[in-house]
Every structure is written in C-alpha cells, then in structure tokens.
Amino acid sequence: MSADLLAEQHRHLARLLEAIQRCAWFLHESDAKIDWPIEAGWLGKHKKDVELFETLAAINERFAKLQDSLASAMRHSALLMGEPTDSFLKVLAFFEKQEVIDTMADWQRCRAVRNMAAHDYATDYGEIAEHFNLLHELSGLLFQTARKLIQLCHSLLGIEPASSDFTDEFERIFA
C-alpha cells in the first residue's frame, strides 16, 4: 500500500469510528425515551401513539445502523491489522480473540433480532413488545462492542474517531 493509500484507509476507518459513536449515541437517546420493559397490553393501549411508534422505529433503525457500522469498521480495521477479511466469520473470530465481542453467538443473535424487524410486519403486540425488549437488551452489547473496538483501533493502529463531535456523548453512555 502506498503511503497516500494507507493514509486514506486510516481516514476511512476514523470516519467509521466517528459514525459508530454517533449511531450509538442516537440509539441510546431514543432508547432512553421508553420505560423498559414494554408489555403487549401497554403497546395495544398506545397503538395510535405516533410519537411512541416513531421512537420505536428509530430504535429499530438505529440498532441496525449501529450494527452495520460496527461490521464495516471491524472488517476495515481487521484489514489494516493484516487479518483475514475474506469471510466475516473470520473477522468475528479475530475480534472475539481480541475481546471486542464476547462471543460470535452474541453478534449473530444481534443480527438475527435486527433482521427480524426488517422482514417481519407483526401486528401481534406481544411479538412487537418482545422484539423491542430484545433490541433494548442487546443494545448494551453493541455499545460495549463499539467502545472496545474504538479502544482497540487506538491501541493497535493509533486511529481515533475522525472528530470528537460525539466523543463526550458516547462516553456518557457508559457513565
């Protein structure tokens, strides 16, 4: 890799890390608007509450965006660290060894729950409540993954988020 290309690859990762901080903070803020756990009966009583369902839609979208951003940053940082990236399972195995993710199964569970929302148009309030309670529960895993990935990129590659625009907000998630 030429020096210019390598510098561009570092800038790209720095932008991904900044996007992760931004995604995590917005997910955290939307999540904070809900009294967890939510129950089917409560959702049924509020089925026409536009603000509630806009918040739930935001949680759904922001969870997915955070996981996608994390996946992109993990693959890109693994590439910069000289690790195999031809299969995302290899990328996950590397980050499990680095303790960025606890287990590959946790990551895949997040992915499965995320994908359910993309393809399921449930009208059963019990299913809807279960889905959002799972997203709430699993958000903590994504937040921890984000924090550990950012720390690893700093320690092994010397790369930090492109700007500090969301650093304080991101760190408050863990306060």
N, C-alpha and C. Protein backbone atom coordinates (compact mmCIF):
# COMPACT_ATOMS: atom_id res chain seq x y z
N MET A 1 0.84 -1.18 0.00
CA MET A 1 0.00 0.00 0.00
C MET A 1 0.88 1.24 0.00
N SER A 2 0.60 2.13 -0.91
CA SER A 2 1.38 3.36 -0.91
C SER A 2 0.99 4.19 0.30
N ALA A 3 1.83 5.16 0.64
CA ALA A 3 1.60 5.99 1.82
C ALA A 3 0.28 6.76 1.71
N ASP A 4 -0.03 7.28 0.51
CA ASP A 4 -1.27 8.02 0.34
C ASP A 4 -2.48 7.11 0.50
N LEU A 5 -2.40 5.92 -0.07
CA LEU A 5 -3.49 4.96 0.04
C LEU A 5 -3.67 4.53 1.48
N LEU A 6 -2.58 4.27 2.17
CA LEU A 6 -2.67 3.88 3.58
C LEU A 6 -3.26 5.01 4.42
N ALA A 7 -2.84 6.23 4.16
CA ALA A 7 -3.40 7.38 4.89
C ALA A 7 -4.91 7.50 4.63
N GLU A 8 -5.32 7.26 3.41
CA GLU A 8 -6.75 7.31 3.08
C GLU A 8 -7.51 6.19 3.79
N GLN A 9 -6.90 5.02 3.89
CA GLN A 9 -7.54 3.90 4.60
C GLN A 9 -7.67 4.21 6.10
N HIS A 10 -6.69 4.88 6.65
CA HIS A 10 -6.76 5.31 8.06
C HIS A 10 -7.87 6.34 8.25
N ARG A 11 -7.97 7.29 7.33
CA ARG A 11 -9.04 8.31 7.42
C ARG A 11 -10.42 7.66 7.31
N HIS A 12 -10.52 6.67 6.44
CA HIS A 12 -11.80 5.97 6.28
C HIS A 12 -12.20 5.28 7.59
N LEU A 13 -11.26 4.60 8.22
CA LEU A 13 -11.55 3.95 9.49
C LEU A 13 -11.91 4.99 10.55
N ALA A 14 -11.21 6.10 10.58
CA ALA A 14 -11.51 7.17 11.54
C ALA A 14 -12.94 7.68 11.35
N ARG A 15 -13.37 7.81 10.10
CA ARG A 15 -14.75 8.25 9.83
C ARG A 15 -15.75 7.19 10.28
N LEU A 16 -15.41 5.92 10.08
CA LEU A 16 -16.29 4.84 10.55
C LEU A 16 -16.42 4.86 12.07
N LEU A 17 -15.31 5.10 12.76
CA LEU A 17 -15.34 5.14 14.23
C LEU A 17 -16.19 6.32 14.71
N GLU A 18 -16.10 7.44 14.03
CA GLU A 18 -16.95 8.58 14.38
C GLU A 18 -18.42 8.23 14.15
N ALA A 19 -18.71 7.56 13.05
CA ALA A 19 -20.09 7.16 12.75
C ALA A 19 -20.62 6.21 13.82
N ILE A 20 -19.76 5.34 14.32
CA ILE A 20 -20.16 4.42 15.39
C ILE A 20 -20.55 5.20 16.64
N GLN A 21 -19.73 6.17 17.01
CA GLN A 21 -20.06 6.98 18.19
C GLN A 21 -21.40 7.69 18.00
N ARG A 22 -21.61 8.25 16.83
CA ARG A 22 -22.85 8.97 16.53
C ARG A 22 -24.04 8.02 16.58
N CYS A 23 -23.92 6.86 15.93
CA CYS A 23 -25.02 5.87 15.91
C CYS A 23 -25.35 5.39 17.33
N ALA A 24 -24.31 5.11 18.10
CA ALA A 24 -24.53 4.63 19.47
C ALA A 24 -25.24 5.67 20.30
N TRP A 25 -24.81 6.92 20.19
CA TRP A 25 -25.43 7.97 20.99
C TRP A 25 -26.90 8.16 20.62
N PHE A 26 -27.20 8.21 19.32
CA PHE A 26 -28.59 8.38 18.90
C PHE A 26 -29.46 7.19 19.34
N LEU A 27 -28.93 5.97 19.23
CA LEU A 27 -29.67 4.79 19.71
C LEU A 27 -29.92 4.91 21.21
N HIS A 28 -28.90 5.28 21.95
CA HIS A 28 -29.02 5.41 23.41
C HIS A 28 -30.08 6.46 23.76
N GLU A 29 -30.08 7.57 23.06
CA GLU A 29 -31.04 8.64 23.36
C GLU A 29 -32.48 8.23 23.02
N SER A 30 -32.67 7.52 21.93
CA SER A 30 -34.02 7.04 21.59
C SER A 30 -34.47 6.00 22.61
N ASP A 31 -33.56 5.11 22.98
CA ASP A 31 -33.86 4.06 23.95
C ASP A 31 -34.27 4.66 25.30
N ALA A 32 -33.68 5.77 25.67
CA ALA A 32 -33.96 6.42 26.96
C ALA A 32 -35.36 7.01 27.03
N LYS A 33 -36.03 7.15 25.90
CA LYS A 33 -37.38 7.71 25.88
C LYS A 33 -38.45 6.69 26.29
N ILE A 34 -38.07 5.43 26.41
CA ILE A 34 -39.03 4.36 26.68
C ILE A 34 -38.80 3.83 28.10
N ASP A 35 -39.90 3.54 28.79
CA ASP A 35 -39.81 2.85 30.09
C ASP A 35 -39.80 1.36 29.81
N TRP A 36 -38.65 0.75 30.03
CA TRP A 36 -38.44 -0.67 29.72
C TRP A 36 -38.72 -1.52 30.95
N PRO A 37 -39.15 -2.76 30.77
CA PRO A 37 -39.57 -3.39 29.51
C PRO A 37 -40.97 -2.93 29.11
N ILE A 38 -41.25 -3.08 27.83
CA ILE A 38 -42.60 -2.74 27.36
C ILE A 38 -43.43 -4.02 27.32
N GLU A 39 -44.72 -3.86 27.51
CA GLU A 39 -45.62 -5.02 27.55
C GLU A 39 -46.65 -4.93 26.43
N ALA A 40 -47.15 -6.09 26.02
CA ALA A 40 -48.10 -6.16 24.91
C ALA A 40 -49.34 -5.32 25.18
N GLY A 41 -49.91 -5.45 26.36
CA GLY A 41 -51.12 -4.70 26.68
C GLY A 41 -50.91 -3.21 26.62
N TRP A 42 -49.78 -2.77 27.11
CA TRP A 42 -49.45 -1.34 27.09
C TRP A 42 -49.32 -0.85 25.66
N LEU A 43 -48.64 -1.65 24.82
CA LEU A 43 -48.50 -1.27 23.41
C LEU A 43 -49.87 -1.19 22.73
N GLY A 44 -50.72 -2.16 23.04
CA GLY A 44 -52.06 -2.16 22.45
C GLY A 44 -52.85 -0.92 22.83
N LYS A 45 -52.70 -0.50 24.08
CA LYS A 45 -53.40 0.71 24.54
C LYS A 45 -52.87 1.97 23.87
N HIS A 46 -51.61 1.93 23.43
CA HIS A 46 -50.96 3.09 22.81
C HIS A 46 -50.74 2.90 21.31
N LYS A 47 -51.55 2.04 20.69
CA LYS A 47 -51.32 1.68 19.29
C LYS A 47 -51.44 2.84 18.31
N LYS A 48 -52.03 3.95 18.73
CA LYS A 48 -52.14 5.11 17.85
C LYS A 48 -51.26 6.27 18.29
N ASP A 49 -50.32 5.97 19.17
CA ASP A 49 -49.40 6.99 19.68
C ASP A 49 -48.25 7.15 18.68
N VAL A 50 -48.37 8.14 17.83
CA VAL A 50 -47.40 8.34 16.76
C VAL A 50 -46.00 8.56 17.32
N GLU A 51 -45.88 9.37 18.36
CA GLU A 51 -44.56 9.65 18.94
C GLU A 51 -43.90 8.37 19.46
N LEU A 52 -44.68 7.51 20.12
CA LEU A 52 -44.15 6.25 20.63
C LEU A 52 -43.65 5.38 19.48
N PHE A 53 -44.48 5.22 18.45
CA PHE A 53 -44.08 4.34 17.37
C PHE A 53 -42.98 4.94 16.49
N GLU A 54 -42.88 6.26 16.45
CA GLU A 54 -41.73 6.87 15.78
C GLU A 54 -40.45 6.60 16.57
N THR A 55 -40.54 6.64 17.89
CA THR A 55 -39.38 6.33 18.73
C THR A 55 -38.98 4.87 18.54
N LEU A 56 -39.96 3.96 18.54
CA LEU A 56 -39.65 2.54 18.34
C LEU A 56 -39.04 2.30 16.96
N ALA A 57 -39.56 2.99 15.95
CA ALA A 57 -38.99 2.85 14.60
C ALA A 57 -37.55 3.37 14.59
N ALA A 58 -37.30 4.46 15.30
CA ALA A 58 -35.94 5.00 15.38
C ALA A 58 -35.02 4.01 16.06
N ILE A 59 -35.49 3.37 17.13
CA ILE A 59 -34.67 2.37 17.83
C ILE A 59 -34.31 1.24 16.88
N ASN A 60 -35.30 0.76 16.14
CA ASN A 60 -35.09 -0.31 15.18
C ASN A 60 -34.03 0.08 14.16
N GLU A 61 -34.20 1.25 13.57
CA GLU A 61 -33.29 1.71 12.53
C GLU A 61 -31.90 1.99 13.08
N ARG A 62 -31.83 2.58 14.24
CA ARG A 62 -30.52 2.94 14.81
C ARG A 62 -29.76 1.72 15.31
N PHE A 63 -30.46 0.72 15.80
CA PHE A 63 -29.81 -0.54 16.18
C PHE A 63 -29.16 -1.15 14.93
N ALA A 64 -29.93 -1.22 13.86
CA ALA A 64 -29.42 -1.80 12.61
C ALA A 64 -28.24 -1.00 12.08
N LYS A 65 -28.36 0.32 12.10
CA LYS A 65 -27.28 1.18 11.60
C LYS A 65 -26.01 1.02 12.43
N LEU A 66 -26.18 0.92 13.76
CA LEU A 66 -25.01 0.74 14.61
C LEU A 66 -24.34 -0.59 14.31
N GLN A 67 -25.12 -1.66 14.19
CA GLN A 67 -24.51 -2.94 13.92
C GLN A 67 -23.83 -2.96 12.55
N ASP A 68 -24.46 -2.35 11.56
CA ASP A 68 -23.84 -2.28 10.23
C ASP A 68 -22.54 -1.48 10.27
N SER A 69 -22.56 -0.36 10.98
CA SER A 69 -21.35 0.47 11.10
C SER A 69 -20.23 -0.27 11.82
N LEU A 70 -20.60 -1.00 12.86
CA LEU A 70 -19.61 -1.81 13.58
C LEU A 70 -19.02 -2.87 12.66
N ALA A 71 -19.86 -3.53 11.90
CA ALA A 71 -19.37 -4.58 10.99
C ALA A 71 -18.40 -3.99 9.96
N SER A 72 -18.75 -2.84 9.39
CA SER A 72 -17.85 -2.20 8.42
C SER A 72 -16.51 -1.84 9.05
N ALA A 73 -16.57 -1.27 10.25
CA ALA A 73 -15.34 -0.86 10.94
C ALA A 73 -14.52 -2.08 11.36
N MET A 74 -15.17 -3.13 11.78
CA MET A 74 -14.42 -4.34 12.16
C MET A 74 -13.70 -4.92 10.95
N ARG A 75 -14.41 -5.03 9.84
CA ARG A 75 -13.78 -5.58 8.63
C ARG A 75 -12.62 -4.68 8.18
N HIS A 76 -12.84 -3.38 8.19
CA HIS A 76 -11.79 -2.45 7.72
C HIS A 76 -10.59 -2.44 8.67
N SER A 77 -10.84 -2.43 9.95
CA SER A 77 -9.72 -2.43 10.89
C SER A 77 -8.97 -3.75 10.85
N ALA A 78 -9.69 -4.86 10.67
CA ALA A 78 -9.01 -6.16 10.55
C ALA A 78 -8.09 -6.16 9.34
N LEU A 79 -8.55 -5.59 8.25
CA LEU A 79 -7.73 -5.47 7.05
C LEU A 79 -6.46 -4.68 7.35
N LEU A 80 -6.61 -3.55 8.04
CA LEU A 80 -5.45 -2.73 8.38
C LEU A 80 -4.51 -3.43 9.37
N MET A 81 -5.05 -4.36 10.14
CA MET A 81 -4.23 -5.12 11.09
C MET A 81 -3.62 -6.36 10.46
N GLY A 82 -3.88 -6.56 9.17
CA GLY A 82 -3.30 -7.69 8.45
C GLY A 82 -4.00 -9.00 8.72
N GLU A 83 -5.24 -8.94 9.16
CA GLU A 83 -6.02 -10.14 9.44
C GLU A 83 -6.85 -10.53 8.23
N PRO A 84 -7.20 -11.82 8.13
CA PRO A 84 -8.05 -12.25 7.01
C PRO A 84 -9.44 -11.61 7.08
N THR A 85 -9.91 -11.13 5.93
CA THR A 85 -11.23 -10.48 5.89
C THR A 85 -12.10 -11.07 4.80
N ASP A 86 -11.69 -12.21 4.22
CA ASP A 86 -12.45 -12.80 3.13
C ASP A 86 -13.79 -13.36 3.59
N SER A 87 -13.93 -13.61 4.88
CA SER A 87 -15.17 -14.10 5.45
C SER A 87 -15.44 -13.31 6.73
N PHE A 88 -16.69 -12.88 6.92
CA PHE A 88 -16.98 -12.11 8.13
C PHE A 88 -16.86 -12.99 9.37
N LEU A 89 -17.04 -14.29 9.22
CA LEU A 89 -16.84 -15.19 10.38
C LEU A 89 -15.39 -15.14 10.86
N LYS A 90 -14.45 -15.00 9.93
CA LYS A 90 -13.04 -14.86 10.32
C LYS A 90 -12.82 -13.53 11.04
N VAL A 91 -13.48 -12.50 10.56
CA VAL A 91 -13.39 -11.19 11.21
C VAL A 91 -13.95 -11.29 12.62
N LEU A 92 -15.11 -11.90 12.76
CA LEU A 92 -15.71 -12.06 14.09
C LEU A 92 -14.82 -12.89 15.01
N ALA A 93 -14.23 -13.96 14.48
CA ALA A 93 -13.35 -14.80 15.30
C ALA A 93 -12.15 -13.98 15.80
N PHE A 94 -11.60 -13.14 14.93
CA PHE A 94 -10.48 -12.29 15.34
C PHE A 94 -10.91 -11.34 16.47
N PHE A 95 -12.06 -10.71 16.31
CA PHE A 95 -12.49 -9.75 17.33
C PHE A 95 -12.97 -10.42 18.61
N GLU A 96 -13.37 -11.67 18.52
CA GLU A 96 -13.65 -12.43 19.73
C GLU A 96 -12.34 -12.68 20.49
N LYS A 97 -11.30 -13.05 19.78
CA LYS A 97 -9.98 -13.26 20.41
C LYS A 97 -9.44 -11.98 21.02
N GLN A 98 -9.75 -10.85 20.38
CA GLN A 98 -9.30 -9.55 20.89
C GLN A 98 -10.21 -9.02 22.00
N GLU A 99 -11.27 -9.77 22.30
CA GLU A 99 -12.26 -9.42 23.34
C GLU A 99 -13.04 -8.16 23.04
N VAL A 100 -13.19 -7.87 21.75
CA VAL A 100 -14.06 -6.76 21.33
C VAL A 100 -15.51 -7.23 21.41
N ILE A 101 -15.76 -8.46 20.98
CA ILE A 101 -17.06 -9.09 21.19
C ILE A 101 -16.86 -10.24 22.17
N ASP A 102 -17.89 -10.50 22.97
CA ASP A 102 -17.78 -11.60 23.92
C ASP A 102 -17.78 -12.94 23.21
N THR A 103 -18.77 -13.12 22.35
CA THR A 103 -18.86 -14.36 21.57
C THR A 103 -19.43 -14.06 20.19
N MET A 104 -19.08 -14.90 19.24
CA MET A 104 -19.66 -14.77 17.91
C MET A 104 -21.16 -14.99 17.98
N ALA A 105 -21.60 -15.85 18.88
CA ALA A 105 -23.04 -16.13 19.03
C ALA A 105 -23.80 -14.86 19.44
N ASP A 106 -23.21 -14.04 20.31
CA ASP A 106 -23.85 -12.78 20.70
C ASP A 106 -24.05 -11.88 19.48
N TRP A 107 -23.01 -11.78 18.66
CA TRP A 107 -23.10 -10.95 17.47
C TRP A 107 -24.19 -11.47 16.54
N GLN A 108 -24.22 -12.78 16.35
CA GLN A 108 -25.20 -13.38 15.45
C GLN A 108 -26.61 -13.25 16.01
N ARG A 109 -26.75 -13.28 17.33
CA ARG A 109 -28.06 -13.06 17.96
C ARG A 109 -28.54 -11.63 17.67
N CYS A 110 -27.64 -10.65 17.81
CA CYS A 110 -27.99 -9.27 17.47
C CYS A 110 -28.44 -9.17 16.02
N ARG A 111 -27.72 -9.85 15.16
CA ARG A 111 -28.03 -9.81 13.73
C ARG A 111 -29.39 -10.43 13.45
N ALA A 112 -29.69 -11.54 14.10
CA ALA A 112 -30.97 -12.22 13.90
C ALA A 112 -32.13 -11.34 14.36
N VAL A 113 -31.99 -10.72 15.52
CA VAL A 113 -33.05 -9.85 16.03
C VAL A 113 -33.22 -8.64 15.12
N ARG A 114 -32.13 -8.10 14.67
CA ARG A 114 -32.16 -6.96 13.75
C ARG A 114 -32.87 -7.34 12.45
N ASN A 115 -32.56 -8.51 11.91
CA ASN A 115 -33.14 -8.94 10.65
C ASN A 115 -34.63 -9.26 10.78
N MET A 116 -35.07 -9.69 11.95
CA MET A 116 -36.49 -9.97 12.15
C MET A 116 -37.32 -8.73 11.86
N ALA A 117 -36.86 -7.59 12.30
CA ALA A 117 -37.61 -6.34 12.10
C ALA A 117 -37.64 -5.96 10.63
N ALA A 118 -36.60 -6.26 9.91
CA ALA A 118 -36.53 -5.88 8.50
C ALA A 118 -37.49 -6.71 7.64
N HIS A 119 -37.86 -7.90 8.12
CA HIS A 119 -38.66 -8.80 7.29
C HIS A 119 -39.97 -9.22 7.93
N ASP A 120 -40.25 -8.74 9.13
CA ASP A 120 -41.45 -9.16 9.83
C ASP A 120 -42.35 -7.95 10.06
N TYR A 121 -43.58 -8.09 9.67
CA TYR A 121 -44.53 -6.99 9.83
C TYR A 121 -45.62 -7.43 10.80
N ALA A 122 -45.20 -7.77 12.01
CA ALA A 122 -46.10 -8.30 13.03
C ALA A 122 -47.13 -7.26 13.44
N THR A 123 -48.32 -7.76 13.71
CA THR A 123 -49.36 -6.91 14.27
C THR A 123 -49.75 -7.40 15.66
N ASP A 124 -49.12 -8.48 16.09
CA ASP A 124 -49.36 -9.01 17.43
C ASP A 124 -48.49 -8.21 18.41
N TYR A 125 -49.16 -7.52 19.34
CA TYR A 125 -48.42 -6.63 20.25
C TYR A 125 -47.48 -7.39 21.17
N GLY A 126 -47.75 -8.66 21.43
CA GLY A 126 -46.81 -9.47 22.21
C GLY A 126 -45.50 -9.67 21.47
N GLU A 127 -45.60 -9.97 20.19
CA GLU A 127 -44.39 -10.15 19.36
C GLU A 127 -43.63 -8.83 19.22
N ILE A 128 -44.38 -7.76 19.03
CA ILE A 128 -43.74 -6.45 18.88
C ILE A 128 -43.01 -6.07 20.17
N ALA A 129 -43.67 -6.27 21.31
CA ALA A 129 -43.04 -5.96 22.60
C ALA A 129 -41.79 -6.81 22.80
N GLU A 130 -41.88 -8.10 22.49
CA GLU A 130 -40.73 -8.99 22.65
C GLU A 130 -39.55 -8.52 21.79
N HIS A 131 -39.86 -8.14 20.56
CA HIS A 131 -38.81 -7.67 19.65
C HIS A 131 -38.09 -6.45 20.23
N PHE A 132 -38.86 -5.45 20.66
CA PHE A 132 -38.23 -4.23 21.15
C PHE A 132 -37.54 -4.44 22.49
N ASN A 133 -38.06 -5.32 23.32
CA ASN A 133 -37.36 -5.64 24.57
C ASN A 133 -36.02 -6.31 24.28
N LEU A 134 -35.99 -7.15 23.25
CA LEU A 134 -34.71 -7.77 22.85
C LEU A 134 -33.74 -6.72 22.31
N LEU A 135 -34.24 -5.81 21.48
CA LEU A 135 -33.36 -4.75 20.98
C LEU A 135 -32.78 -3.94 22.14
N HIS A 136 -33.62 -3.63 23.10
CA HIS A 136 -33.16 -2.88 24.28
C HIS A 136 -32.07 -3.66 25.01
N GLU A 137 -32.33 -4.92 25.24
CA GLU A 137 -31.36 -5.78 25.94
C GLU A 137 -30.04 -5.89 25.18
N LEU A 138 -30.13 -6.07 23.88
CA LEU A 138 -28.92 -6.29 23.07
C LEU A 138 -28.17 -5.01 22.73
N SER A 139 -28.83 -3.87 22.89
CA SER A 139 -28.14 -2.60 22.63
C SER A 139 -26.90 -2.46 23.50
N GLY A 140 -26.97 -2.92 24.72
CA GLY A 140 -25.81 -2.86 25.61
C GLY A 140 -24.62 -3.61 25.04
N LEU A 141 -24.86 -4.75 24.40
CA LEU A 141 -23.77 -5.49 23.76
C LEU A 141 -23.14 -4.67 22.64
N LEU A 142 -23.99 -4.01 21.85
CA LEU A 142 -23.44 -3.20 20.76
C LEU A 142 -22.67 -2.00 21.29
N PHE A 143 -23.17 -1.39 22.37
CA PHE A 143 -22.45 -0.25 22.96
C PHE A 143 -21.07 -0.69 23.45
N GLN A 144 -21.02 -1.83 24.13
CA GLN A 144 -19.73 -2.32 24.63
C GLN A 144 -18.80 -2.69 23.48
N THR A 145 -19.35 -3.29 22.45
CA THR A 145 -18.55 -3.63 21.27
C THR A 145 -17.97 -2.36 20.65
N ALA A 146 -18.79 -1.33 20.55
CA ALA A 146 -18.33 -0.06 19.99
C ALA A 146 -17.17 0.50 20.80
N ARG A 147 -17.35 0.51 22.09
CA ARG A 147 -16.30 1.07 22.97
C ARG A 147 -14.99 0.28 22.85
N LYS A 148 -15.11 -1.05 22.88
CA LYS A 148 -13.91 -1.89 22.80
C LYS A 148 -13.23 -1.79 21.44
N LEU A 149 -14.02 -1.68 20.38
CA LEU A 149 -13.44 -1.55 19.04
C LEU A 149 -12.69 -0.23 18.92
N ILE A 150 -13.28 0.83 19.40
CA ILE A 150 -12.62 2.15 19.33
C ILE A 150 -11.32 2.12 20.14
N GLN A 151 -11.34 1.49 21.30
CA GLN A 151 -10.12 1.38 22.12
C GLN A 151 -9.06 0.54 21.42
N LEU A 152 -9.48 -0.56 20.80
CA LEU A 152 -8.52 -1.43 20.10
C LEU A 152 -7.89 -0.71 18.91
N CYS A 153 -8.71 0.01 18.15
CA CYS A 153 -8.17 0.76 17.00
C CYS A 153 -7.17 1.81 17.46
N HIS A 154 -7.44 2.42 18.60
CA HIS A 154 -6.50 3.39 19.15
C HIS A 154 -5.20 2.71 19.57
N SER A 155 -5.32 1.61 20.30
CA SER A 155 -4.11 0.99 20.85
C SER A 155 -3.27 0.27 19.79
N LEU A 156 -3.90 -0.40 18.83
CA LEU A 156 -3.13 -1.16 17.84
C LEU A 156 -2.79 -0.38 16.58
N LEU A 157 -3.67 0.56 16.20
CA LEU A 157 -3.45 1.28 14.95
C LEU A 157 -3.19 2.77 15.14
N GLY A 158 -3.43 3.26 16.35
CA GLY A 158 -3.27 4.70 16.59
C GLY A 158 -4.34 5.52 15.89
N ILE A 159 -5.49 4.91 15.63
CA ILE A 159 -6.57 5.60 14.91
C ILE A 159 -7.72 5.87 15.87
N GLU A 160 -8.18 7.10 15.84
CA GLU A 160 -9.30 7.54 16.69
C GLU A 160 -10.43 8.03 15.78
N PRO A 161 -11.62 8.25 16.34
CA PRO A 161 -12.69 8.82 15.53
C PRO A 161 -12.22 10.11 14.84
N ALA A 162 -12.73 10.34 13.63
CA ALA A 162 -12.28 11.46 12.80
C ALA A 162 -12.43 12.80 13.49
N SER A 163 -13.47 12.95 14.29
CA SER A 163 -13.64 14.18 15.08
C SER A 163 -14.11 13.78 16.47
N SER A 164 -14.07 14.72 17.36
CA SER A 164 -14.53 14.45 18.72
C SER A 164 -15.96 14.95 18.93
N ASP A 165 -16.67 15.19 17.83
CA ASP A 165 -18.03 15.75 17.91
C ASP A 165 -18.97 14.94 18.80
N PHE A 166 -18.82 13.62 18.82
CA PHE A 166 -19.71 12.77 19.60
C PHE A 166 -19.00 12.02 20.72
N THR A 167 -17.74 12.33 20.96
CA THR A 167 -16.98 11.60 21.97
C THR A 167 -17.56 11.75 23.37
N ASP A 168 -17.86 12.96 23.78
CA ASP A 168 -18.42 13.17 25.12
C ASP A 168 -19.76 12.46 25.27
N GLU A 169 -20.62 12.61 24.28
CA GLU A 169 -21.93 11.97 24.33
C GLU A 169 -21.79 10.45 24.35
N PHE A 170 -20.87 9.93 23.55
CA PHE A 170 -20.63 8.49 23.51
C PHE A 170 -20.15 8.00 24.88
N GLU A 171 -19.23 8.69 25.50
CA GLU A 171 -18.71 8.27 26.80
C GLU A 171 -19.77 8.35 27.89
N ARG A 172 -20.73 9.27 27.75
CA ARG A 172 -21.81 9.36 28.75
C ARG A 172 -22.72 8.14 28.73
N ILE A 173 -22.73 7.39 27.65
CA ILE A 173 -23.50 6.14 27.59
C ILE A 173 -23.05 5.20 28.71
N PHE A 174 -21.77 5.25 29.03
CA PHE A 174 -21.17 4.31 29.98
C PHE A 174 -21.07 4.87 31.39
N ALA A 175 -21.52 6.10 31.58
CA ALA A 175 -21.42 6.74 32.90
C ALA A 175 -22.45 6.19 33.87
